[in-house]
Amino acid sequence: MIQHLVLFKWKPATTTADQAAACAALAALRDTIPGIIALTVGAQNSPEGKGKGFHTGLTVTFLDAAAREAYQSHPAHQQAVAGFRAHVEDVIVLDYAY
């Protein structure tokens, strides 16, 4: 399996409505793209104070590397990301196999 972790830092002008729309678009991928075992997305709420300005996290568990590849190029994923890309100031992506 492949775990895909993404952290988003929104631009200062990004509204909470924009953030909610991005989260909804990403969450909808769970039931749209084959090979996704689990997908969660949500706002940073850690009390540790170590978020380094990142506001939203996404985790996707894929069946295998082929499923991750299919997700990256899937039209639904491309459309979801295109809908909020202009609001993203920075992003971190970390994937690992387990």
PDB file of N, CA and C in Angstrom:
ATOM      1  N   MET A   1       0.843  -1.180   0.000  1.00  0.00           N
ATOM      2  CA  MET A   1       0.000   0.000   0.000  1.00  0.00           C
ATOM      3  C   MET A   1       0.885   1.239   0.000  1.00  0.00           C
ATOM      4  N   ILE A   2       0.303   2.317  -0.466  1.00  0.00           N
ATOM      5  CA  ILE A   2       0.987   3.615  -0.524  1.00  0.00           C
ATOM      6  C   ILE A   2       0.186   4.619   0.300  1.00  0.00           C
ATOM      7  N   GLN A   3       0.884   5.320   1.190  1.00  0.00           N
ATOM      8  CA  GLN A   3       0.266   6.410   1.948  1.00  0.00           C
ATOM      9  C   GLN A   3       0.726   7.717   1.326  1.00  0.00           C
ATOM     10  N   HIS A   4      -0.217   8.578   0.983  1.00  0.00           N
ATOM     11  CA  HIS A   4       0.035   9.865   0.324  1.00  0.00           C
ATOM     12  C   HIS A   4      -0.401  10.953   1.301  1.00  0.00           C
ATOM     13  N   LEU A   5       0.543  11.784   1.722  1.00  0.00           N
ATOM     14  CA  LEU A   5       0.262  12.861   2.673  1.00  0.00           C
ATOM     15  C   LEU A   5       0.512  14.198   1.982  1.00  0.00           C
ATOM     16  N   VAL A   6      -0.443  15.107   2.104  1.00  0.00           N
ATOM     17  CA  VAL A   6      -0.311  16.427   1.500  1.00  0.00           C
ATOM     18  C   VAL A   6      -0.704  17.468   2.539  1.00  0.00           C
ATOM     19  N   LEU A   7       0.119  18.494   2.687  1.00  0.00           N
ATOM     20  CA  LEU A   7      -0.178  19.610   3.580  1.00  0.00           C
ATOM     21  C   LEU A   7      -0.283  20.871   2.736  1.00  0.00           C
ATOM     22  N   PHE A   8      -1.330  21.645   2.966  1.00  0.00           N
ATOM     23  CA  PHE A   8      -1.582  22.865   2.209  1.00  0.00           C
ATOM     24  C   PHE A   8      -1.441  24.085   3.103  1.00  0.00           C
ATOM     25  N   LYS A   9      -0.759  25.095   2.583  1.00  0.00           N
ATOM     26  CA  LYS A   9      -0.708  26.415   3.208  1.00  0.00           C
ATOM     27  C   LYS A   9      -1.450  27.345   2.265  1.00  0.00           C
ATOM     28  N   TRP A  10      -2.524  27.935   2.759  1.00  0.00           N
ATOM     29  CA  TRP A  10      -3.353  28.801   1.922  1.00  0.00           C
ATOM     30  C   TRP A  10      -2.792  30.214   1.875  1.00  0.00           C
ATOM     31  N   LYS A  11      -3.011  30.887   0.751  1.00  0.00           N
ATOM     32  CA  LYS A  11      -2.634  32.293   0.633  1.00  0.00           C
ATOM     33  C   LYS A  11      -3.472  33.109   1.614  1.00  0.00           C
ATOM     34  N   PRO A  12      -2.939  34.225   2.108  1.00  0.00           N
ATOM     35  CA  PRO A  12      -3.658  35.015   3.110  1.00  0.00           C
ATOM     36  C   PRO A  12      -5.071  35.434   2.704  1.00  0.00           C
ATOM     37  N   ALA A  13      -5.312  35.682   1.429  1.00  0.00           N
ATOM     38  CA  ALA A  13      -6.640  36.131   0.982  1.00  0.00           C
ATOM     39  C   ALA A  13      -7.656  34.995   0.854  1.00  0.00           C
ATOM     40  N   THR A  14      -7.221  33.764   1.061  1.00  0.00           N
ATOM     41  CA  THR A  14      -8.121  32.617   0.917  1.00  0.00           C
ATOM     42  C   THR A  14      -9.142  32.613   2.049  1.00  0.00           C
ATOM     43  N   THR A  15     -10.409  32.536   1.694  1.00  0.00           N
ATOM     44  CA  THR A  15     -11.477  32.553   2.699  1.00  0.00           C
ATOM     45  C   THR A  15     -11.721  31.155   3.254  1.00  0.00           C
ATOM     46  N   THR A  16     -12.434  31.084   4.348  1.00  0.00           N
ATOM     47  CA  THR A  16     -12.796  29.773   4.899  1.00  0.00           C
ATOM     48  C   THR A  16     -13.722  29.034   3.941  1.00  0.00           C
ATOM     49  N   ALA A  17     -14.533  29.770   3.183  1.00  0.00           N
ATOM     50  CA  ALA A  17     -15.394  29.144   2.176  1.00  0.00           C
ATOM     51  C   ALA A  17     -14.557  28.515   1.064  1.00  0.00           C
ATOM     52  N   ASP A  18     -13.486  29.198   0.643  1.00  0.00           N
ATOM     53  CA  ASP A  18     -12.580  28.641  -0.362  1.00  0.00           C
ATOM     54  C   ASP A  18     -11.933  27.354   0.152  1.00  0.00           C
ATOM     55  N   GLN A  19     -11.496  27.390   1.402  1.00  0.00           N
ATOM     56  CA  GLN A  19     -10.874  26.211   2.010  1.00  0.00           C
ATOM     57  C   GLN A  19     -11.869  25.056   2.108  1.00  0.00           C
ATOM     58  N   ALA A  20     -13.085  25.357   2.514  1.00  0.00           N
ATOM     59  CA  ALA A  20     -14.118  24.317   2.632  1.00  0.00           C
ATOM     60  C   ALA A  20     -14.432  23.707   1.268  1.00  0.00           C
ATOM     61  N   ALA A  21     -14.467  24.537   0.231  1.00  0.00           N
ATOM     62  CA  ALA A  21     -14.729  24.035  -1.120  1.00  0.00           C
ATOM     63  C   ALA A  21     -13.604  23.115  -1.586  1.00  0.00           C
ATOM     64  N   ALA A  22     -12.370  23.485  -1.286  1.00  0.00           N
ATOM     65  CA  ALA A  22     -11.225  22.644  -1.647  1.00  0.00           C
ATOM     66  C   ALA A  22     -11.297  21.300  -0.930  1.00  0.00           C
ATOM     67  N   CYS A  23     -11.611  21.333   0.355  1.00  0.00           N
ATOM     68  CA  CYS A  23     -11.729  20.089   1.125  1.00  0.00           C
ATOM     69  C   CYS A  23     -12.854  19.210   0.582  1.00  0.00           C
ATOM     70  N   ALA A  24     -13.974  19.808   0.230  1.00  0.00           N
ATOM     71  CA  ALA A  24     -15.101  19.046  -0.323  1.00  0.00           C
ATOM     72  C   ALA A  24     -14.729  18.412  -1.661  1.00  0.00           C
ATOM     73  N   ALA A  25     -14.013  19.163  -2.506  1.00  0.00           N
ATOM     74  CA  ALA A  25     -13.597  18.629  -3.804  1.00  0.00           C
ATOM     75  C   ALA A  25     -12.650  17.454  -3.630  1.00  0.00           C
ATOM     76  N   LEU A  26     -11.740  17.571  -2.673  1.00  0.00           N
ATOM     77  CA  LEU A  26     -10.809  16.473  -2.415  1.00  0.00           C
ATOM     78  C   LEU A  26     -11.530  15.271  -1.804  1.00  0.00           C
ATOM     79  N   ALA A  27     -12.422  15.511  -0.874  1.00  0.00           N
ATOM     80  CA  ALA A  27     -13.156  14.411  -0.234  1.00  0.00           C
ATOM     81  C   ALA A  27     -13.987  13.635  -1.253  1.00  0.00           C
ATOM     82  N   ALA A  28     -14.500  14.309  -2.265  1.00  0.00           N
ATOM     83  CA  ALA A  28     -15.329  13.653  -3.281  1.00  0.00           C
ATOM     84  C   ALA A  28     -14.538  12.636  -4.097  1.00  0.00           C
ATOM     85  N   LEU A  29     -13.224  12.780  -4.112  1.00  0.00           N
ATOM     86  CA  LEU A  29     -12.395  11.843  -4.873  1.00  0.00           C
ATOM     87  C   LEU A  29     -12.430  10.438  -4.277  1.00  0.00           C
ATOM     88  N   ARG A  30     -12.738  10.356  -3.007  1.00  0.00           N
ATOM     89  CA  ARG A  30     -12.782   9.073  -2.293  1.00  0.00           C
ATOM     90  C   ARG A  30     -13.676   8.068  -3.019  1.00  0.00           C
ATOM     91  N   ASP A  31     -14.804   8.523  -3.501  1.00  0.00           N
ATOM     92  CA  ASP A  31     -15.777   7.630  -4.132  1.00  0.00           C
ATOM     93  C   ASP A  31     -15.731   7.694  -5.661  1.00  0.00           C
ATOM     94  N   THR A  32     -14.749   8.401  -6.194  1.00  0.00           N
ATOM     95  CA  THR A  32     -14.691   8.630  -7.639  1.00  0.00           C
ATOM     96  C   THR A  32     -13.564   7.860  -8.317  1.00  0.00           C
ATOM     97  N   ILE A  33     -12.428   7.740  -7.648  1.00  0.00           N
ATOM     98  CA  ILE A  33     -11.232   7.185  -8.284  1.00  0.00           C
ATOM     99  C   ILE A  33     -10.942   5.793  -7.744  1.00  0.00           C
ATOM    100  N   PRO A  34     -10.872   4.804  -8.622  1.00  0.00           N
ATOM    101  CA  PRO A  34     -10.568   3.431  -8.180  1.00  0.00           C
ATOM    102  C   PRO A  34      -9.171   3.344  -7.556  1.00  0.00           C
ATOM    103  N   GLY A  35      -9.016   2.408  -6.635  1.00  0.00           N
ATOM    104  CA  GLY A  35      -7.719   2.174  -6.010  1.00  0.00           C
ATOM    105  C   GLY A  35      -7.493   2.947  -4.728  1.00  0.00           C
ATOM    106  N   ILE A  36      -8.436   3.838  -4.374  1.00  0.00           N
ATOM    107  CA  ILE A  36      -8.337   4.558  -3.103  1.00  0.00           C
ATOM    108  C   ILE A  36      -8.967   3.686  -2.023  1.00  0.00           C
ATOM    109  N   ILE A  37      -8.184   3.356  -1.014  1.00  0.00           N
ATOM    110  CA  ILE A  37      -8.680   2.564   0.107  1.00  0.00           C
ATOM    111  C   ILE A  37      -9.300   3.479   1.155  1.00  0.00           C
ATOM    112  N   ALA A  38      -8.648   4.610   1.411  1.00  0.00           N
ATOM    113  CA  ALA A  38      -9.149   5.580   2.385  1.00  0.00           C
ATOM    114  C   ALA A  38      -8.672   6.968   1.983  1.00  0.00           C
ATOM    115  N   LEU A  39      -9.472   7.976   2.292  1.00  0.00           N
ATOM    116  CA  LEU A  39      -9.110   9.365   2.025  1.00  0.00           C
ATOM    117  C   LEU A  39      -9.724  10.216   3.116  1.00  0.00           C
ATOM    118  N   THR A  40      -8.895  11.024   3.757  1.00  0.00           N
ATOM    119  CA  THR A  40      -9.385  11.986   4.740  1.00  0.00           C
ATOM    120  C   THR A  40      -8.756  13.342   4.444  1.00  0.00           C
ATOM    121  N   VAL A  41      -9.477  14.390   4.763  1.00  0.00           N
ATOM    122  CA  VAL A  41      -8.989  15.753   4.581  1.00  0.00           C
ATOM    123  C   VAL A  41      -9.595  16.607   5.683  1.00  0.00           C
ATOM    124  N   GLY A  42      -8.799  17.532   6.224  1.00  0.00           N
ATOM    125  CA  GLY A  42      -9.330  18.380   7.279  1.00  0.00           C
ATOM    126  C   GLY A  42      -8.388  19.502   7.660  1.00  0.00           C
ATOM    127  N   ALA A  43      -8.926  20.403   8.467  1.00  0.00           N
ATOM    128  CA  ALA A  43      -8.189  21.580   8.922  1.00  0.00           C
ATOM    129  C   ALA A  43      -7.247  21.240  10.066  1.00  0.00           C
ATOM    130  N   GLN A  44      -6.130  21.901  10.072  1.00  0.00           N
ATOM    131  CA  GLN A  44      -5.136  21.769  11.141  1.00  0.00           C
ATOM    132  C   GLN A  44      -5.782  22.121  12.476  1.00  0.00           C
ATOM    133  N   ASN A  45      -5.629  21.256  13.463  1.00  0.00           N
ATOM    134  CA  ASN A  45      -6.150  21.577  14.790  1.00  0.00           C
ATOM    135  C   ASN A  45      -5.243  21.071  15.906  1.00  0.00           C
ATOM    136  N   SER A  46      -3.975  20.855  15.586  1.00  0.00           N
ATOM    137  CA  SER A  46      -3.033  20.369  16.595  1.00  0.00           C
ATOM    138  C   SER A  46      -2.747  21.455  17.630  1.00  0.00           C
ATOM    139  N   PRO A  47      -2.740  21.094  18.905  1.00  0.00           N
ATOM    140  CA  PRO A  47      -2.406  22.057  19.944  1.00  0.00           C
ATOM    141  C   PRO A  47      -0.889  22.217  20.137  1.00  0.00           C
ATOM    142  N   GLU A  48      -0.081  21.471  19.375  1.00  0.00           N
ATOM    143  CA  GLU A  48       1.371  21.483  19.568  1.00  0.00           C
ATOM    144  C   GLU A  48       2.064  22.731  19.038  1.00  0.00           C
ATOM    145  N   GLY A  49       1.412  23.471  18.142  1.00  0.00           N
ATOM    146  CA  GLY A  49       2.019  24.681  17.612  1.00  0.00           C
ATOM    147  C   GLY A  49       3.170  24.429  16.652  1.00  0.00           C
ATOM    148  N   LYS A  50       3.172  23.280  15.985  1.00  0.00           N
ATOM    149  CA  LYS A  50       4.274  22.939  15.084  1.00  0.00           C
ATOM    150  C   LYS A  50       3.819  22.793  13.640  1.00  0.00           C
ATOM    151  N   GLY A  51       2.706  23.430  13.295  1.00  0.00           N
ATOM    152  CA  GLY A  51       2.152  23.313  11.958  1.00  0.00           C
ATOM    153  C   GLY A  51       2.871  24.122  10.896  1.00  0.00           C
ATOM    154  N   LYS A  52       3.777  25.020  11.317  1.00  0.00           N
ATOM    155  CA  LYS A  52       4.582  25.829  10.403  1.00  0.00           C
ATOM    156  C   LYS A  52       3.749  26.553   9.350  1.00  0.00           C
ATOM    157  N   GLY A  53       2.538  26.954   9.744  1.00  0.00           N
ATOM    158  CA  GLY A  53       1.690  27.740   8.857  1.00  0.00           C
ATOM    159  C   GLY A  53       0.848  26.933   7.887  1.00  0.00           C
ATOM    160  N   PHE A  54       0.928  25.610   7.936  1.00  0.00           N
ATOM    161  CA  PHE A  54       0.107  24.780   7.061  1.00  0.00           C
ATOM    162  C   PHE A  54      -1.265  24.619   7.698  1.00  0.00           C
ATOM    163  N   HIS A  55      -2.301  24.754   6.867  1.00  0.00           N
ATOM    164  CA  HIS A  55      -3.673  24.854   7.358  1.00  0.00           C
ATOM    165  C   HIS A  55      -4.512  23.602   7.181  1.00  0.00           C
ATOM    166  N   THR A  56      -4.217  22.809   6.153  1.00  0.00           N
ATOM    167  CA  THR A  56      -5.076  21.689   5.793  1.00  0.00           C
ATOM    168  C   THR A  56      -4.220  20.481   5.463  1.00  0.00           C
ATOM    169  N   GLY A  57      -4.695  19.293   5.896  1.00  0.00           N
ATOM    170  CA  GLY A  57      -3.993  18.057   5.585  1.00  0.00           C
ATOM    171  C   GLY A  57      -4.880  17.101   4.816  1.00  0.00           C
ATOM    172  N   LEU A  58      -4.252  16.345   3.931  1.00  0.00           N
ATOM    173  CA  LEU A  58      -4.926  15.316   3.141  1.00  0.00           C
ATOM    174  C   LEU A  58      -4.124  14.036   3.273  1.00  0.00           C
ATOM    175  N   THR A  59      -4.804  12.929   3.545  1.00  0.00           N
ATOM    176  CA  THR A  59      -4.151  11.623   3.506  1.00  0.00           C
ATOM    177  C   THR A  59      -4.972  10.730   2.588  1.00  0.00           C
ATOM    178  N   VAL A  60      -4.262  10.031   1.714  1.00  0.00           N
ATOM    179  CA  VAL A  60      -4.904   9.081   0.822  1.00  0.00           C
ATOM    180  C   VAL A  60      -4.122   7.775   0.916  1.00  0.00           C
ATOM    181  N   THR A  61      -4.831   6.692   1.152  1.00  0.00           N
ATOM    182  CA  THR A  61      -4.222   5.368   1.144  1.00  0.00           C
ATOM    183  C   THR A  61      -4.606   4.694  -0.163  1.00  0.00           C
ATOM    184  N   PHE A  62      -3.584   4.304  -0.922  1.00  0.00           N
ATOM    185  CA  PHE A  62      -3.785   3.640  -2.205  1.00  0.00           C
ATOM    186  C   PHE A  62      -3.463   2.160  -2.083  1.00  0.00           C
ATOM    187  N   LEU A  63      -4.136   1.372  -2.886  1.00  0.00           N
ATOM    188  CA  LEU A  63      -3.885  -0.063  -2.929  1.00  0.00           C
ATOM    189  C   LEU A  63      -2.436  -0.351  -3.287  1.00  0.00           C
ATOM    190  N   ASP A  64      -1.909   0.384  -4.251  1.00  0.00           N
ATOM    191  CA  ASP A  64      -0.533   0.161  -4.707  1.00  0.00           C
ATOM    192  C   ASP A  64      -0.052   1.384  -5.489  1.00  0.00           C
ATOM    193  N   ALA A  65       1.183   1.310  -5.976  1.00  0.00           N
ATOM    194  CA  ALA A  65       1.753   2.433  -6.717  1.00  0.00           C
ATOM    195  C   ALA A  65       0.983   2.703  -8.008  1.00  0.00           C
ATOM    196  N   ALA A  66       0.468   1.665  -8.644  1.00  0.00           N
ATOM    197  CA  ALA A  66      -0.317   1.854  -9.868  1.00  0.00           C
ATOM    198  C   ALA A  66      -1.577   2.665  -9.590  1.00  0.00           C
ATOM    199  N   ALA A  67      -2.210   2.440  -8.455  1.00  0.00           N
ATOM    200  CA  ALA A  67      -3.401   3.209  -8.086  1.00  0.00           C
ATOM    201  C   ALA A  67      -3.045   4.669  -7.843  1.00  0.00           C
ATOM    202  N   ARG A  68      -1.883   4.900  -7.233  1.00  0.00           N
ATOM    203  CA  ARG A  68      -1.441   6.290  -7.020  1.00  0.00           C
ATOM    204  C   ARG A  68      -1.198   6.978  -8.362  1.00  0.00           C
ATOM    205  N   GLU A  69      -0.557   6.279  -9.282  1.00  0.00           N
ATOM    206  CA  GLU A  69      -0.304   6.840 -10.611  1.00  0.00           C
ATOM    207  C   GLU A  69      -1.622   7.180 -11.314  1.00  0.00           C
ATOM    208  N   ALA A  70      -2.597   6.281 -11.217  1.00  0.00           N
ATOM    209  CA  ALA A  70      -3.894   6.513 -11.853  1.00  0.00           C
ATOM    210  C   ALA A  70      -4.593   7.726 -11.228  1.00  0.00           C
ATOM    211  N   TYR A  71      -4.470   7.888  -9.916  1.00  0.00           N
ATOM    212  CA  TYR A  71      -5.054   9.024  -9.192  1.00  0.00           C
ATOM    213  C   TYR A  71      -4.455  10.338  -9.686  1.00  0.00           C
ATOM    214  N   GLN A  72      -3.132  10.376  -9.806  1.00  0.00           N
ATOM    215  CA  GLN A  72      -2.455  11.614 -10.201  1.00  0.00           C
ATOM    216  C   GLN A  72      -2.937  12.128 -11.549  1.00  0.00           C
ATOM    217  N   SER A  73      -3.181  11.215 -12.476  1.00  0.00           N
ATOM    218  CA  SER A  73      -3.573  11.638 -13.822  1.00  0.00           C
ATOM    219  C   SER A  73      -5.085  11.587 -14.062  1.00  0.00           C
ATOM    220  N   HIS A  74      -5.853  11.145 -13.073  1.00  0.00           N
ATOM    221  CA  HIS A  74      -7.303  11.019 -13.243  1.00  0.00           C
ATOM    222  C   HIS A  74      -7.929  12.404 -13.449  1.00  0.00           C
ATOM    223  N   PRO A  75      -8.841  12.537 -14.415  1.00  0.00           N
ATOM    224  CA  PRO A  75      -9.478  13.841 -14.675  1.00  0.00           C
ATOM    225  C   PRO A  75     -10.167  14.451 -13.446  1.00  0.00           C
ATOM    226  N   ALA A  76     -10.761  13.640 -12.596  1.00  0.00           N
ATOM    227  CA  ALA A  76     -11.430  14.174 -11.400  1.00  0.00           C
ATOM    228  C   ALA A  76     -10.414  14.804 -10.449  1.00  0.00           C
ATOM    229  N   HIS A  77      -9.253  14.187 -10.299  1.00  0.00           N
ATOM    230  CA  HIS A  77      -8.192  14.749  -9.452  1.00  0.00           C
ATOM    231  C   HIS A  77      -7.676  16.046 -10.063  1.00  0.00           C
ATOM    232  N   GLN A  78      -7.419  16.023 -11.363  1.00  0.00           N
ATOM    233  CA  GLN A  78      -6.922  17.216 -12.041  1.00  0.00           C
ATOM    234  C   GLN A  78      -7.908  18.377 -11.916  1.00  0.00           C
ATOM    235  N   GLN A  79      -9.197  18.091 -12.051  1.00  0.00           N
ATOM    236  CA  GLN A  79     -10.231  19.128 -11.944  1.00  0.00           C
ATOM    237  C   GLN A  79     -10.316  19.660 -10.515  1.00  0.00           C
ATOM    238  N   ALA A  80     -10.258  18.768  -9.532  1.00  0.00           N
ATOM    239  CA  ALA A  80     -10.342  19.201  -8.130  1.00  0.00           C
ATOM    240  C   ALA A  80      -9.194  20.146  -7.792  1.00  0.00           C
ATOM    241  N   VAL A  81      -7.985  19.764  -8.154  1.00  0.00           N
ATOM    242  CA  VAL A  81      -6.810  20.584  -7.848  1.00  0.00           C
ATOM    243  C   VAL A  81      -6.848  21.902  -8.610  1.00  0.00           C
ATOM    244  N   ALA A  82      -7.268  21.872  -9.851  1.00  0.00           N
ATOM    245  CA  ALA A  82      -7.343  23.110 -10.641  1.00  0.00           C
ATOM    246  C   ALA A  82      -8.299  24.108 -10.013  1.00  0.00           C
ATOM    247  N   GLY A  83      -9.324  23.602  -9.316  1.00  0.00           N
ATOM    248  CA  GLY A  83     -10.318  24.473  -8.708  1.00  0.00           C
ATOM    249  C   GLY A  83      -9.816  25.287  -7.537  1.00  0.00           C
ATOM    250  N   PHE A  84      -8.719  24.851  -6.903  1.00  0.00           N
ATOM    251  CA  PHE A  84      -8.215  25.613  -5.749  1.00  0.00           C
ATOM    252  C   PHE A  84      -6.729  25.948  -5.827  1.00  0.00           C
ATOM    253  N   ARG A  85      -6.060  25.538  -6.873  1.00  0.00           N
ATOM    254  CA  ARG A  85      -4.604  25.765  -7.005  1.00  0.00           C
ATOM    255  C   ARG A  85      -4.224  27.231  -6.797  1.00  0.00           C
ATOM    256  N   ALA A  86      -5.040  28.153  -7.263  1.00  0.00           N
ATOM    257  CA  ALA A  86      -4.727  29.579  -7.145  1.00  0.00           C
ATOM    258  C   ALA A  86      -4.701  30.057  -5.693  1.00  0.00           C
ATOM    259  N   HIS A  87      -5.306  29.288  -4.795  1.00  0.00           N
ATOM    260  CA  HIS A  87      -5.349  29.668  -3.385  1.00  0.00           C
ATOM    261  C   HIS A  87      -4.178  29.114  -2.572  1.00  0.00           C
ATOM    262  N   VAL A  88      -3.385  28.236  -3.170  1.00  0.00           N
ATOM    263  CA  VAL A  88      -2.313  27.553  -2.442  1.00  0.00           C
ATOM    264  C   VAL A  88      -1.032  28.371  -2.471  1.00  0.00           C
ATOM    265  N   GLU A  89      -0.530  28.681  -1.280  1.00  0.00           N
ATOM    266  CA  GLU A  89       0.749  29.381  -1.160  1.00  0.00           C
ATOM    267  C   GLU A  89       1.906  28.388  -1.178  1.00  0.00           C
ATOM    268  N   ASP A  90       1.723  27.250  -0.507  1.00  0.00           N
ATOM    269  CA  ASP A  90       2.772  26.243  -0.427  1.00  0.00           C
ATOM    270  C   ASP A  90       2.130  24.885  -0.189  1.00  0.00           C
ATOM    271  N   VAL A  91       2.846  23.851  -0.538  1.00  0.00           N
ATOM    272  CA  VAL A  91       2.346  22.487  -0.362  1.00  0.00           C
ATOM    273  C   VAL A  91       3.528  21.575  -0.052  1.00  0.00           C
ATOM    274  N   ILE A  92       3.285  20.583   0.782  1.00  0.00           N
ATOM    275  CA  ILE A  92       4.254  19.528   1.074  1.00  0.00           C
ATOM    276  C   ILE A  92       3.586  18.215   0.718  1.00  0.00           C
ATOM    277  N   VAL A  93       4.310  17.354   0.007  1.00  0.00           N
ATOM    278  CA  VAL A  93       3.813  16.028  -0.329  1.00  0.00           C
ATOM    279  C   VAL A  93       4.836  15.005   0.138  1.00  0.00           C
ATOM    280  N   LEU A  94       4.365  13.985   0.838  1.00  0.00           N
ATOM    281  CA  LEU A  94       5.218  12.892   1.272  1.00  0.00           C
ATOM    282  C   LEU A  94       4.458  11.592   1.064  1.00  0.00           C
ATOM    283  N   ASP A  95       5.054  10.677   0.321  1.00  0.00           N
ATOM    284  CA  ASP A  95       4.455   9.364   0.074  1.00  0.00           C
ATOM    285  C   ASP A  95       5.390   8.295   0.634  1.00  0.00           C
ATOM    286  N   TYR A  96       4.799   7.217   1.110  1.00  0.00           N
ATOM    287  CA  TYR A  96       5.617   6.073   1.508  1.00  0.00           C
ATOM    288  C   TYR A  96       4.837   4.790   1.324  1.00  0.00           C
ATOM    289  N   ALA A  97       5.576   3.723   1.089  1.00  0.00           N
ATOM    290  CA  ALA A  97       4.982   2.404   0.941  1.00  0.00           C
ATOM    291  C   ALA A  97       5.032   1.697   2.280  1.00  0.00           C
ATOM    292  N   TYR A  98       4.027   0.868   2.530  1.00  0.00           N
ATOM    293  CA  TYR A  98       4.032   0.052   3.757  1.00  0.00           C
ATOM    294  C   TYR A  98       3.338  -1.254   3.516  1.00  0.00           C
TER     295      TYR A  98
END
